[in-house]
Amino acid sequence: LSEFHSAKYKARFAMWSGLAVNTGIIVPAVVAFLVLPNSW
């Protein structure tokens, strides 16, 4: 994705993309909260 950005915006993009990647650790916890306690 950084190959689509110029040098001016690469640092800012890296910060926001890092945030987006880190939010991935939220998804399994939320899905587990919604699904696992059920007796389906």
PDB file of all heavy atoms in Angstrom:
ATOM      1  N   LEU A   1       0.822  -1.213   0.000  1.00  0.00           N
ATOM      2  CA  LEU A   1       0.000   0.000   0.000  1.00  0.00           C
ATOM      3  C   LEU A   1       0.857   1.264   0.000  1.00  0.00           C
ATOM      4  O   LEU A   1       0.459   2.290  -0.565  1.00  0.00           O
ATOM      5  CB  LEU A   1      -0.934  -0.007   1.206  1.00  0.00           C
ATOM      6  CG  LEU A   1      -2.014  -1.100   1.197  1.00  0.00           C
ATOM      7  CD1 LEU A   1      -2.811  -1.079   2.481  1.00  0.00           C
ATOM      8  CD2 LEU A   1      -2.943  -0.922   0.000  1.00  0.00           C
ATOM      9  N   SER A   2       2.035   1.216   0.627  1.00  0.00           N
ATOM     10  CA  SER A   2       2.903   2.401   0.649  1.00  0.00           C
ATOM     11  C   SER A   2       3.441   2.733  -0.738  1.00  0.00           C
ATOM     12  O   SER A   2       3.838   3.872  -0.994  1.00  0.00           O
ATOM     13  CB  SER A   2       4.072   2.180   1.612  1.00  0.00           C
ATOM     14  OG  SER A   2       4.914   1.140   1.155  1.00  0.00           O
ATOM     15  N   GLU A   3       3.450   1.750  -1.652  1.00  0.00           N
ATOM     16  CA  GLU A   3       3.929   1.999  -3.012  1.00  0.00           C
ATOM     17  C   GLU A   3       2.956   2.846  -3.819  1.00  0.00           C
ATOM     18  O   GLU A   3       3.268   3.274  -4.926  1.00  0.00           O
ATOM     19  CB  GLU A   3       4.186   0.665  -3.723  1.00  0.00           C
ATOM     20  CG  GLU A   3       5.360  -0.113  -3.127  1.00  0.00           C
ATOM     21  CD  GLU A   3       5.578  -1.454  -3.791  1.00  0.00           C
ATOM     22  OE1 GLU A   3       4.770  -1.812  -4.682  1.00  0.00           O
ATOM     23  OE2 GLU A   3       6.544  -2.147  -3.428  1.00  0.00           O
ATOM     24  N   PHE A   4       1.767   3.113  -3.281  1.00  0.00           N
ATOM     25  CA  PHE A   4       0.812   4.011  -3.924  1.00  0.00           C
ATOM     26  C   PHE A   4       0.909   5.430  -3.363  1.00  0.00           C
ATOM     27  O   PHE A   4       0.140   6.299  -3.757  1.00  0.00           O
ATOM     28  CB  PHE A   4      -0.623   3.495  -3.729  1.00  0.00           C
ATOM     29  CG  PHE A   4      -0.930   2.252  -4.518  1.00  0.00           C
ATOM     30  CD1 PHE A   4      -0.693   1.003  -3.982  1.00  0.00           C
ATOM     31  CD2 PHE A   4      -1.440   2.345  -5.804  1.00  0.00           C
ATOM     32  CE1 PHE A   4      -0.984  -0.138  -4.704  1.00  0.00           C
ATOM     33  CE2 PHE A   4      -1.732   1.209  -6.531  1.00  0.00           C
ATOM     34  CZ  PHE A   4      -1.493  -0.045  -5.977  1.00  0.00           C
ATOM     35  N   HIS A   5       1.833   5.675  -2.424  1.00  0.00           N
ATOM     36  CA  HIS A   5       1.956   6.978  -1.786  1.00  0.00           C
ATOM     37  C   HIS A   5       3.320   7.591  -2.085  1.00  0.00           C
ATOM     38  O   HIS A   5       4.321   6.888  -2.216  1.00  0.00           O
ATOM     39  CB  HIS A   5       1.793   6.851  -0.267  1.00  0.00           C
ATOM     40  CG  HIS A   5       0.418   6.423   0.161  1.00  0.00           C
ATOM     41  ND1 HIS A   5      -0.003   5.119   0.046  1.00  0.00           N
ATOM     42  CD2 HIS A   5      -0.612   7.108   0.694  1.00  0.00           C
ATOM     43  CE1 HIS A   5      -1.248   5.019   0.497  1.00  0.00           C
ATOM     44  NE2 HIS A   5      -1.645   6.212   0.892  1.00  0.00           N
ATOM     45  N   SER A   6       3.332   8.903  -2.178  1.00  0.00           N
ATOM     46  CA  SER A   6       4.588   9.610  -2.372  1.00  0.00           C
ATOM     47  C   SER A   6       5.334   9.688  -1.049  1.00  0.00           C
ATOM     48  O   SER A   6       4.784   9.393   0.016  1.00  0.00           O
ATOM     49  CB  SER A   6       4.316  11.026  -2.893  1.00  0.00           C
ATOM     50  OG  SER A   6       3.574  11.774  -1.931  1.00  0.00           O
ATOM     51  N   ALA A   7       6.606  10.113  -1.119  1.00  0.00           N
ATOM     52  CA  ALA A   7       7.424  10.197   0.093  1.00  0.00           C
ATOM     53  C   ALA A   7       6.824  11.150   1.121  1.00  0.00           C
ATOM     54  O   ALA A   7       6.990  10.969   2.330  1.00  0.00           O
ATOM     55  CB  ALA A   7       8.839  10.644  -0.280  1.00  0.00           C
ATOM     56  N   LYS A   8       6.075  12.146   0.657  1.00  0.00           N
ATOM     57  CA  LYS A   8       5.486  13.142   1.554  1.00  0.00           C
ATOM     58  C   LYS A   8       4.464  12.520   2.493  1.00  0.00           C
ATOM     59  O   LYS A   8       4.325  12.935   3.651  1.00  0.00           O
ATOM     60  CB  LYS A   8       4.829  14.253   0.724  1.00  0.00           C
ATOM     61  CG  LYS A   8       4.141  15.327   1.545  1.00  0.00           C
ATOM     62  CD  LYS A   8       3.492  16.362   0.639  1.00  0.00           C
ATOM     63  CE  LYS A   8       2.746  17.421   1.458  1.00  0.00           C
ATOM     64  NZ  LYS A   8       2.081  18.423   0.582  1.00  0.00           N
ATOM     65  N   TYR A   9       3.746  11.504   2.030  1.00  0.00           N
ATOM     66  CA  TYR A   9       2.644  10.941   2.817  1.00  0.00           C
ATOM     67  C   TYR A   9       2.942   9.559   3.383  1.00  0.00           C
ATOM     68  O   TYR A   9       2.107   8.995   4.090  1.00  0.00           O
ATOM     69  CB  TYR A   9       1.384  10.835   1.946  1.00  0.00           C
ATOM     70  CG  TYR A   9       0.885  12.165   1.443  1.00  0.00           C
ATOM     71  CD1 TYR A   9       1.100  12.555   0.126  1.00  0.00           C
ATOM     72  CD2 TYR A   9       0.223  13.042   2.287  1.00  0.00           C
ATOM     73  CE1 TYR A   9       0.641  13.783  -0.336  1.00  0.00           C
ATOM     74  CE2 TYR A   9      -0.235  14.265   1.842  1.00  0.00           C
ATOM     75  CZ  TYR A   9      -0.017  14.628   0.525  1.00  0.00           C
ATOM     76  OH  TYR A   9      -0.456  15.839   0.079  1.00  0.00           O
ATOM     77  N   LYS A  10       4.119   8.992   3.091  1.00  0.00           N
ATOM     78  CA  LYS A  10       4.389   7.621   3.516  1.00  0.00           C
ATOM     79  C   LYS A  10       4.418   7.478   5.038  1.00  0.00           C
ATOM     80  O   LYS A  10       3.903   6.504   5.589  1.00  0.00           O
ATOM     81  CB  LYS A  10       5.710   7.128   2.920  1.00  0.00           C
ATOM     82  CG  LYS A  10       5.568   6.622   1.490  1.00  0.00           C
ATOM     83  CD  LYS A  10       6.840   5.973   1.000  1.00  0.00           C
ATOM     84  CE  LYS A  10       6.633   5.418  -0.414  1.00  0.00           C
ATOM     85  NZ  LYS A  10       7.839   4.755  -0.931  1.00  0.00           N
ATOM     86  N   ALA A  11       5.037   8.430   5.735  1.00  0.00           N
ATOM     87  CA  ALA A  11       5.130   8.337   7.188  1.00  0.00           C
ATOM     88  C   ALA A  11       3.742   8.392   7.826  1.00  0.00           C
ATOM     89  O   ALA A  11       3.415   7.596   8.717  1.00  0.00           O
ATOM     90  CB  ALA A  11       6.011   9.452   7.732  1.00  0.00           C
ATOM     91  N   ARG A  12       2.895   9.309   7.353  1.00  0.00           N
ATOM     92  CA  ARG A  12       1.556   9.433   7.897  1.00  0.00           C
ATOM     93  C   ARG A  12       0.731   8.186   7.570  1.00  0.00           C
ATOM     94  O   ARG A  12      -0.045   7.698   8.403  1.00  0.00           O
ATOM     95  CB  ARG A  12       0.868  10.675   7.335  1.00  0.00           C
ATOM     96  CG  ARG A  12      -0.481  10.977   7.980  1.00  0.00           C
ATOM     97  CD  ARG A  12      -1.141  12.159   7.294  1.00  0.00           C
ATOM     98  NE  ARG A  12      -0.290  13.347   7.299  1.00  0.00           N
ATOM     99  CZ  ARG A  12      -0.593  14.468   6.663  1.00  0.00           C
ATOM    100  NH1 ARG A  12      -1.724  14.555   5.962  1.00  0.00           N
ATOM    101  NH2 ARG A  12       0.220  15.499   6.710  1.00  0.00           N
ATOM    102  N   PHE A  13       0.913   7.673   6.350  1.00  0.00           N
ATOM    103  CA  PHE A  13       0.184   6.470   5.974  1.00  0.00           C
ATOM    104  C   PHE A  13       0.599   5.280   6.839  1.00  0.00           C
ATOM    105  O   PHE A  13      -0.244   4.473   7.253  1.00  0.00           O
ATOM    106  CB  PHE A  13       0.429   6.130   4.500  1.00  0.00           C
ATOM    107  CG  PHE A  13       0.056   4.720   4.151  1.00  0.00           C
ATOM    108  CD1 PHE A  13      -1.269   4.362   3.997  1.00  0.00           C
ATOM    109  CD2 PHE A  13       1.030   3.743   4.004  1.00  0.00           C
ATOM    110  CE1 PHE A  13      -1.620   3.061   3.700  1.00  0.00           C
ATOM    111  CE2 PHE A  13       0.689   2.442   3.706  1.00  0.00           C
ATOM    112  CZ  PHE A  13      -0.641   2.107   3.544  1.00  0.00           C
ATOM    113  N   ALA A  14       1.918   5.165   7.126  1.00  0.00           N
ATOM    114  CA  ALA A  14       2.395   4.054   7.949  1.00  0.00           C
ATOM    115  C   ALA A  14       1.743   4.082   9.324  1.00  0.00           C
ATOM    116  O   ALA A  14       1.404   3.035   9.892  1.00  0.00           O
ATOM    117  CB  ALA A  14       3.911   4.104   8.064  1.00  0.00           C
ATOM    118  N   MET A  15       1.561   5.273   9.882  1.00  0.00           N
ATOM    119  CA  MET A  15       0.950   5.387  11.203  1.00  0.00           C
ATOM    120  C   MET A  15      -0.503   4.917  11.164  1.00  0.00           C
ATOM    121  O   MET A  15      -0.945   4.124  12.007  1.00  0.00           O
ATOM    122  CB  MET A  15       1.019   6.836  11.682  1.00  0.00           C
ATOM    123  CG  MET A  15       0.435   7.055  13.074  1.00  0.00           C
ATOM    124  SD  MET A  15       0.565   8.780  13.603  1.00  0.00           S
ATOM    125  CE  MET A  15      -0.583   9.575  12.466  1.00  0.00           C
ATOM    126  N   TRP A  16      -1.265   5.377  10.166  1.00  0.00           N
ATOM    127  CA  TRP A  16      -2.675   5.005  10.080  1.00  0.00           C
ATOM    128  C   TRP A  16      -2.849   3.543   9.690  1.00  0.00           C
ATOM    129  O   TRP A  16      -3.757   2.871  10.184  1.00  0.00           O
ATOM    130  CB  TRP A  16      -3.392   5.912   9.083  1.00  0.00           C
ATOM    131  CG  TRP A  16      -3.642   7.278   9.616  1.00  0.00           C
ATOM    132  CD1 TRP A  16      -2.961   8.415   9.320  1.00  0.00           C
ATOM    133  CD2 TRP A  16      -4.642   7.659  10.571  1.00  0.00           C
ATOM    134  NE1 TRP A  16      -3.476   9.490  10.026  1.00  0.00           N
ATOM    135  CE2 TRP A  16      -4.511   9.049  10.799  1.00  0.00           C
ATOM    136  CE3 TRP A  16      -5.629   6.960  11.262  1.00  0.00           C
ATOM    137  CZ2 TRP A  16      -5.322   9.742  11.675  1.00  0.00           C
ATOM    138  CZ3 TRP A  16      -6.448   7.655  12.139  1.00  0.00           C
ATOM    139  CH2 TRP A  16      -6.295   9.031  12.340  1.00  0.00           C
ATOM    140  N   SER A  17      -1.997   3.033   8.829  1.00  0.00           N
ATOM    141  CA  SER A  17      -2.106   1.620   8.452  1.00  0.00           C
ATOM    142  C   SER A  17      -1.741   0.730   9.629  1.00  0.00           C
ATOM    143  O   SER A  17      -2.337  -0.345   9.814  1.00  0.00           O
ATOM    144  CB  SER A  17      -1.195   1.307   7.265  1.00  0.00           C
ATOM    145  OG  SER A  17       0.163   1.513   7.602  1.00  0.00           O
ATOM    146  N   GLY A  18      -0.766   1.172  10.444  1.00  0.00           N
ATOM    147  CA  GLY A  18      -0.434   0.413  11.643  1.00  0.00           C
ATOM    148  C   GLY A  18      -1.608   0.335  12.597  1.00  0.00           C
ATOM    149  O   GLY A  18      -1.866  -0.705  13.221  1.00  0.00           O
ATOM    150  N   LEU A  19      -2.356   1.428  12.709  1.00  0.00           N
ATOM    151  CA  LEU A  19      -3.554   1.425  13.552  1.00  0.00           C
ATOM    152  C   LEU A  19      -4.584   0.446  13.006  1.00  0.00           C
ATOM    153  O   LEU A  19      -5.203  -0.318  13.754  1.00  0.00           O
ATOM    154  CB  LEU A  19      -4.147   2.831  13.627  1.00  0.00           C
ATOM    155  CG  LEU A  19      -5.485   2.955  14.367  1.00  0.00           C
ATOM    156  CD1 LEU A  19      -5.309   2.622  15.835  1.00  0.00           C
ATOM    157  CD2 LEU A  19      -6.071   4.353  14.203  1.00  0.00           C
ATOM    158  N   ALA A  20      -4.773   0.447  11.687  1.00  0.00           N
ATOM    159  CA  ALA A  20      -5.752  -0.449  11.073  1.00  0.00           C
ATOM    160  C   ALA A  20      -5.369  -1.909  11.286  1.00  0.00           C
ATOM    161  O   ALA A  20      -6.226  -2.761  11.576  1.00  0.00           O
ATOM    162  CB  ALA A  20      -5.872  -0.145   9.576  1.00  0.00           C
ATOM    163  N   VAL A  21      -4.071  -2.219  11.171  1.00  0.00           N
ATOM    164  CA  VAL A  21      -3.622  -3.593  11.383  1.00  0.00           C
ATOM    165  C   VAL A  21      -3.809  -3.998  12.842  1.00  0.00           C
ATOM    166  O   VAL A  21      -4.247  -5.109  13.154  1.00  0.00           O
ATOM    167  CB  VAL A  21      -2.142  -3.741  10.952  1.00  0.00           C
ATOM    168  CG1 VAL A  21      -1.607  -5.107  11.354  1.00  0.00           C
ATOM    169  CG2 VAL A  21      -2.007  -3.552   9.450  1.00  0.00           C
ATOM    170  N   ASN A  22      -3.492  -3.085  13.774  1.00  0.00           N
ATOM    171  CA  ASN A  22      -3.620  -3.410  15.195  1.00  0.00           C
ATOM    172  C   ASN A  22      -5.070  -3.624  15.617  1.00  0.00           C
ATOM    173  O   ASN A  22      -5.340  -4.357  16.571  1.00  0.00           O
ATOM    174  CB  ASN A  22      -3.001  -2.296  16.056  1.00  0.00           C
ATOM    175  CG  ASN A  22      -1.486  -2.325  16.019  1.00  0.00           C
ATOM    176  OD1 ASN A  22      -0.888  -3.374  15.809  1.00  0.00           O
ATOM    177  ND2 ASN A  22      -0.856  -1.186  16.221  1.00  0.00           N
ATOM    178  N   THR A  23      -6.001  -2.979  14.919  1.00  0.00           N
ATOM    179  CA  THR A  23      -7.406  -3.194  15.276  1.00  0.00           C
ATOM    180  C   THR A  23      -7.847  -4.629  15.011  1.00  0.00           C
ATOM    181  O   THR A  23      -8.903  -5.053  15.487  1.00  0.00           O
ATOM    182  CB  THR A  23      -8.326  -2.245  14.486  1.00  0.00           C
ATOM    183  OG1 THR A  23      -8.067  -2.378  13.073  1.00  0.00           O
ATOM    184  CG2 THR A  23      -8.110  -0.797  14.897  1.00  0.00           C
ATOM    185  N   GLY A  24      -7.025  -5.371  14.269  1.00  0.00           N
ATOM    186  CA  GLY A  24      -7.337  -6.766  14.020  1.00  0.00           C
ATOM    187  C   GLY A  24      -7.418  -7.598  15.287  1.00  0.00           C
ATOM    188  O   GLY A  24      -8.110  -8.623  15.316  1.00  0.00           O
ATOM    189  N   ILE A  25      -6.717  -7.181  16.350  1.00  0.00           N
ATOM    190  CA  ILE A  25      -6.773  -7.966  17.588  1.00  0.00           C
ATOM    191  C   ILE A  25      -8.099  -7.755  18.317  1.00  0.00           C
ATOM    192  O   ILE A  25      -8.424  -8.518  19.241  1.00  0.00           O
ATOM    193  CB  ILE A  25      -5.601  -7.609  18.523  1.00  0.00           C
ATOM    194  CG1 ILE A  25      -5.731  -6.177  19.061  1.00  0.00           C
ATOM    195  CG2 ILE A  25      -4.278  -7.813  17.845  1.00  0.00           C
ATOM    196  CD1 ILE A  25      -4.672  -5.822  20.079  1.00  0.00           C
ATOM    197  N   ILE A  26      -8.872  -6.742  17.903  1.00  0.00           N
ATOM    198  CA  ILE A  26     -10.169  -6.502  18.541  1.00  0.00           C
ATOM    199  C   ILE A  26     -11.219  -7.464  18.001  1.00  0.00           C
ATOM    200  O   ILE A  26     -12.087  -7.938  18.747  1.00  0.00           O
ATOM    201  CB  ILE A  26     -10.616  -5.052  18.319  1.00  0.00           C
ATOM    202  CG1 ILE A  26      -9.589  -4.078  18.902  1.00  0.00           C
ATOM    203  CG2 ILE A  26     -11.980  -4.785  18.935  1.00  0.00           C
ATOM    204  CD1 ILE A  26      -9.888  -2.628  18.611  1.00  0.00           C
ATOM    205  N   VAL A  27     -11.140  -7.771  16.706  1.00  0.00           N
ATOM    206  CA  VAL A  27     -12.180  -8.560  16.048  1.00  0.00           C
ATOM    207  C   VAL A  27     -12.371  -9.933  16.686  1.00  0.00           C
ATOM    208  O   VAL A  27     -13.510 -10.319  17.003  1.00  0.00           O
ATOM    209  CB  VAL A  27     -11.884  -8.680  14.535  1.00  0.00           C
ATOM    210  CG1 VAL A  27     -12.915  -9.577  13.864  1.00  0.00           C
ATOM    211  CG2 VAL A  27     -11.867  -7.304  13.895  1.00  0.00           C
ATOM    212  N   PRO A  28     -11.308 -10.742  16.906  1.00  0.00           N
ATOM    213  CA  PRO A  28     -11.542 -12.064  17.508  1.00  0.00           C
ATOM    214  C   PRO A  28     -12.186 -11.989  18.883  1.00  0.00           C
ATOM    215  O   PRO A  28     -13.020 -12.838  19.224  1.00  0.00           O
ATOM    216  CB  PRO A  28     -10.128 -12.668  17.586  1.00  0.00           C
ATOM    217  CG  PRO A  28      -9.334 -11.922  16.583  1.00  0.00           C
ATOM    218  CD  PRO A  28      -9.888 -10.535  16.572  1.00  0.00           C
ATOM    219  N   ALA A  29     -11.795 -10.985  19.680  1.00  0.00           N
ATOM    220  CA  ALA A  29     -12.374 -10.857  21.019  1.00  0.00           C
ATOM    221  C   ALA A  29     -13.859 -10.508  20.950  1.00  0.00           C
ATOM    222  O   ALA A  29     -14.672 -11.062  21.699  1.00  0.00           O
ATOM    223  CB  ALA A  29     -11.612  -9.798  21.813  1.00  0.00           C
ATOM    224  N   VAL A  30     -14.221  -9.601  20.044  1.00  0.00           N
ATOM    225  CA  VAL A  30     -15.625  -9.206  19.914  1.00  0.00           C
ATOM    226  C   VAL A  30     -16.468 -10.382  19.420  1.00  0.00           C
ATOM    227  O   VAL A  30     -17.560 -10.657  19.949  1.00  0.00           O
ATOM    228  CB  VAL A  30     -15.761  -8.000  18.960  1.00  0.00           C
ATOM    229  CG1 VAL A  30     -17.226  -7.703  18.692  1.00  0.00           C
ATOM    230  CG2 VAL A  30     -15.075  -6.776  19.550  1.00  0.00           C
ATOM    231  N   VAL A  31     -15.966 -11.095  18.407  1.00  0.00           N
ATOM    232  CA  VAL A  31     -16.702 -12.240  17.871  1.00  0.00           C
ATOM    233  C   VAL A  31     -16.836 -13.328  18.935  1.00  0.00           C
ATOM    234  O   VAL A  31     -17.893 -13.967  19.074  1.00  0.00           O
ATOM    235  CB  VAL A  31     -16.008 -12.790  16.609  1.00  0.00           C
ATOM    236  CG1 VAL A  31     -16.722 -14.042  16.100  1.00  0.00           C
ATOM    237  CG2 VAL A  31     -15.984 -11.728  15.516  1.00  0.00           C
ATOM    238  N   ALA A  32     -15.772 -13.549  19.707  1.00  0.00           N
ATOM    239  CA  ALA A  32     -15.836 -14.539  20.784  1.00  0.00           C
ATOM    240  C   ALA A  32     -16.876 -14.152  21.828  1.00  0.00           C
ATOM    241  O   ALA A  32     -17.613 -15.001  22.346  1.00  0.00           O
ATOM    242  CB  ALA A  32     -14.462 -14.685  21.432  1.00  0.00           C
ATOM    243  N   PHE A  33     -16.937 -12.869  22.156  1.00  0.00           N
ATOM    244  CA  PHE A  33     -17.918 -12.377  23.128  1.00  0.00           C
ATOM    245  C   PHE A  33     -19.348 -12.635  22.648  1.00  0.00           C
ATOM    246  O   PHE A  33     -20.237 -12.962  23.435  1.00  0.00           O
ATOM    247  CB  PHE A  33     -17.690 -10.893  23.370  1.00  0.00           C
ATOM    248  CG  PHE A  33     -18.769 -10.225  24.186  1.00  0.00           C
ATOM    249  CD1 PHE A  33     -18.920 -10.498  25.530  1.00  0.00           C
ATOM    250  CD2 PHE A  33     -19.641  -9.324  23.590  1.00  0.00           C
ATOM    251  CE1 PHE A  33     -19.914  -9.893  26.277  1.00  0.00           C
ATOM    252  CE2 PHE A  33     -20.640  -8.708  24.322  1.00  0.00           C
ATOM    253  CZ  PHE A  33     -20.772  -9.002  25.672  1.00  0.00           C
ATOM    254  N   LEU A  34     -19.559 -12.512  21.334  1.00  0.00           N
ATOM    255  CA  LEU A  34     -20.898 -12.673  20.783  1.00  0.00           C
ATOM    256  C   LEU A  34     -21.282 -14.136  20.547  1.00  0.00           C
ATOM    257  O   LEU A  34     -22.469 -14.478  20.592  1.00  0.00           O
ATOM    258  CB  LEU A  34     -21.011 -11.906  19.456  1.00  0.00           C
ATOM    259  CG  LEU A  34     -20.840 -10.379  19.531  1.00  0.00           C
ATOM    260  CD1 LEU A  34     -20.835  -9.794  18.127  1.00  0.00           C
ATOM    261  CD2 LEU A  34     -21.949  -9.753  20.367  1.00  0.00           C
ATOM    262  N   VAL A  35     -20.293 -15.012  20.315  1.00  0.00           N
ATOM    263  CA  VAL A  35     -20.602 -16.373  19.857  1.00  0.00           C
ATOM    264  C   VAL A  35     -20.345 -17.436  20.927  1.00  0.00           C
ATOM    265  O   VAL A  35     -21.221 -18.251  21.238  1.00  0.00           O
ATOM    266  CB  VAL A  35     -19.790 -16.698  18.582  1.00  0.00           C
ATOM    267  CG1 VAL A  35     -20.005 -18.147  18.164  1.00  0.00           C
ATOM    268  CG2 VAL A  35     -20.180 -15.756  17.451  1.00  0.00           C
ATOM    269  N   LEU A  36     -19.148 -17.456  21.510  1.00  0.00           N
ATOM    270  CA  LEU A  36     -18.719 -18.600  22.316  1.00  0.00           C
ATOM    271  C   LEU A  36     -19.580 -18.892  23.551  1.00  0.00           C
ATOM    272  O   LEU A  36     -19.775 -20.063  23.888  1.00  0.00           O
ATOM    273  CB  LEU A  36     -17.255 -18.422  22.728  1.00  0.00           C
ATOM    274  CG  LEU A  36     -16.246 -18.595  21.592  1.00  0.00           C
ATOM    275  CD1 LEU A  36     -14.830 -18.401  22.095  1.00  0.00           C
ATOM    276  CD2 LEU A  36     -16.386 -19.966  20.957  1.00  0.00           C
ATOM    277  N   PRO A  37     -20.084 -17.898  24.278  1.00  0.00           N
ATOM    278  CA  PRO A  37     -20.880 -18.243  25.468  1.00  0.00           C
ATOM    279  C   PRO A  37     -22.227 -18.896  25.157  1.00  0.00           C
ATOM    280  O   PRO A  37     -22.890 -19.384  26.074  1.00  0.00           O
ATOM    281  CB  PRO A  37     -21.093 -16.878  26.153  1.00  0.00           C
ATOM    282  CG  PRO A  37     -20.024 -15.991  25.610  1.00  0.00           C
ATOM    283  CD  PRO A  37     -19.820 -16.446  24.199  1.00  0.00           C
ATOM    284  N   ASN A  38     -22.640 -18.909  23.912  1.00  0.00           N
ATOM    285  CA  ASN A  38     -23.951 -19.458  23.558  1.00  0.00           C
ATOM    286  C   ASN A  38     -23.900 -20.986  23.464  1.00  0.00           C
ATOM    287  O   ASN A  38     -22.866 -21.574  23.132  1.00  0.00           O
ATOM    288  CB  ASN A  38     -24.426 -18.881  22.221  1.00  0.00           C
ATOM    289  CG  ASN A  38     -24.614 -17.377  22.283  1.00  0.00           C
ATOM    290  OD1 ASN A  38     -25.545 -16.868  22.884  1.00  0.00           O
ATOM    291  ND2 ASN A  38     -23.706 -16.636  21.643  1.00  0.00           N
ATOM    292  N   SER A  39     -25.005 -21.617  23.730  1.00  0.00           N
ATOM    293  CA  SER A  39     -25.121 -23.083  23.635  1.00  0.00           C
ATOM    294  C   SER A  39     -25.751 -23.475  22.300  1.00  0.00           C
ATOM    295  O   SER A  39     -26.721 -24.239  22.252  1.00  0.00           O
ATOM    296  CB  SER A  39     -25.960 -23.620  24.797  1.00  0.00           C
ATOM    297  OG  SER A  39     -27.244 -23.012  24.809  1.00  0.00           O
ATOM    298  N   TRP A  40     -25.210 -22.949  21.216  1.00  0.00           N
ATOM    299  CA  TRP A  40     -25.753 -23.213  19.889  1.00  0.00           C
ATOM    300  C   TRP A  40     -25.386 -24.621  19.424  1.00  0.00           C
ATOM    301  O   TRP A  40     -24.313 -25.148  19.748  1.00  0.00           O
ATOM    302  CB  TRP A  40     -25.247 -22.183  18.890  1.00  0.00           C
ATOM    303  CG  TRP A  40     -25.754 -20.786  19.145  1.00  0.00           C
ATOM    304  CD1 TRP A  40     -26.841 -20.438  19.875  1.00  0.00           C
ATOM    305  CD2 TRP A  40     -25.176 -19.566  18.678  1.00  0.00           C
ATOM    306  NE1 TRP A  40     -27.000 -19.077  19.885  1.00  0.00           N
ATOM    307  CE2 TRP A  40     -25.991 -18.511  19.156  1.00  0.00           C
ATOM    308  CE3 TRP A  40     -24.070 -19.256  17.907  1.00  0.00           C
ATOM    309  CZ2 TRP A  40     -25.716 -17.179  18.876  1.00  0.00           C
ATOM    310  CZ3 TRP A  40     -23.795 -17.930  17.622  1.00  0.00           C
ATOM    311  CH2 TRP A  40     -24.614 -16.902  18.100  1.00  0.00           C
TER     312      TRP A  40
END
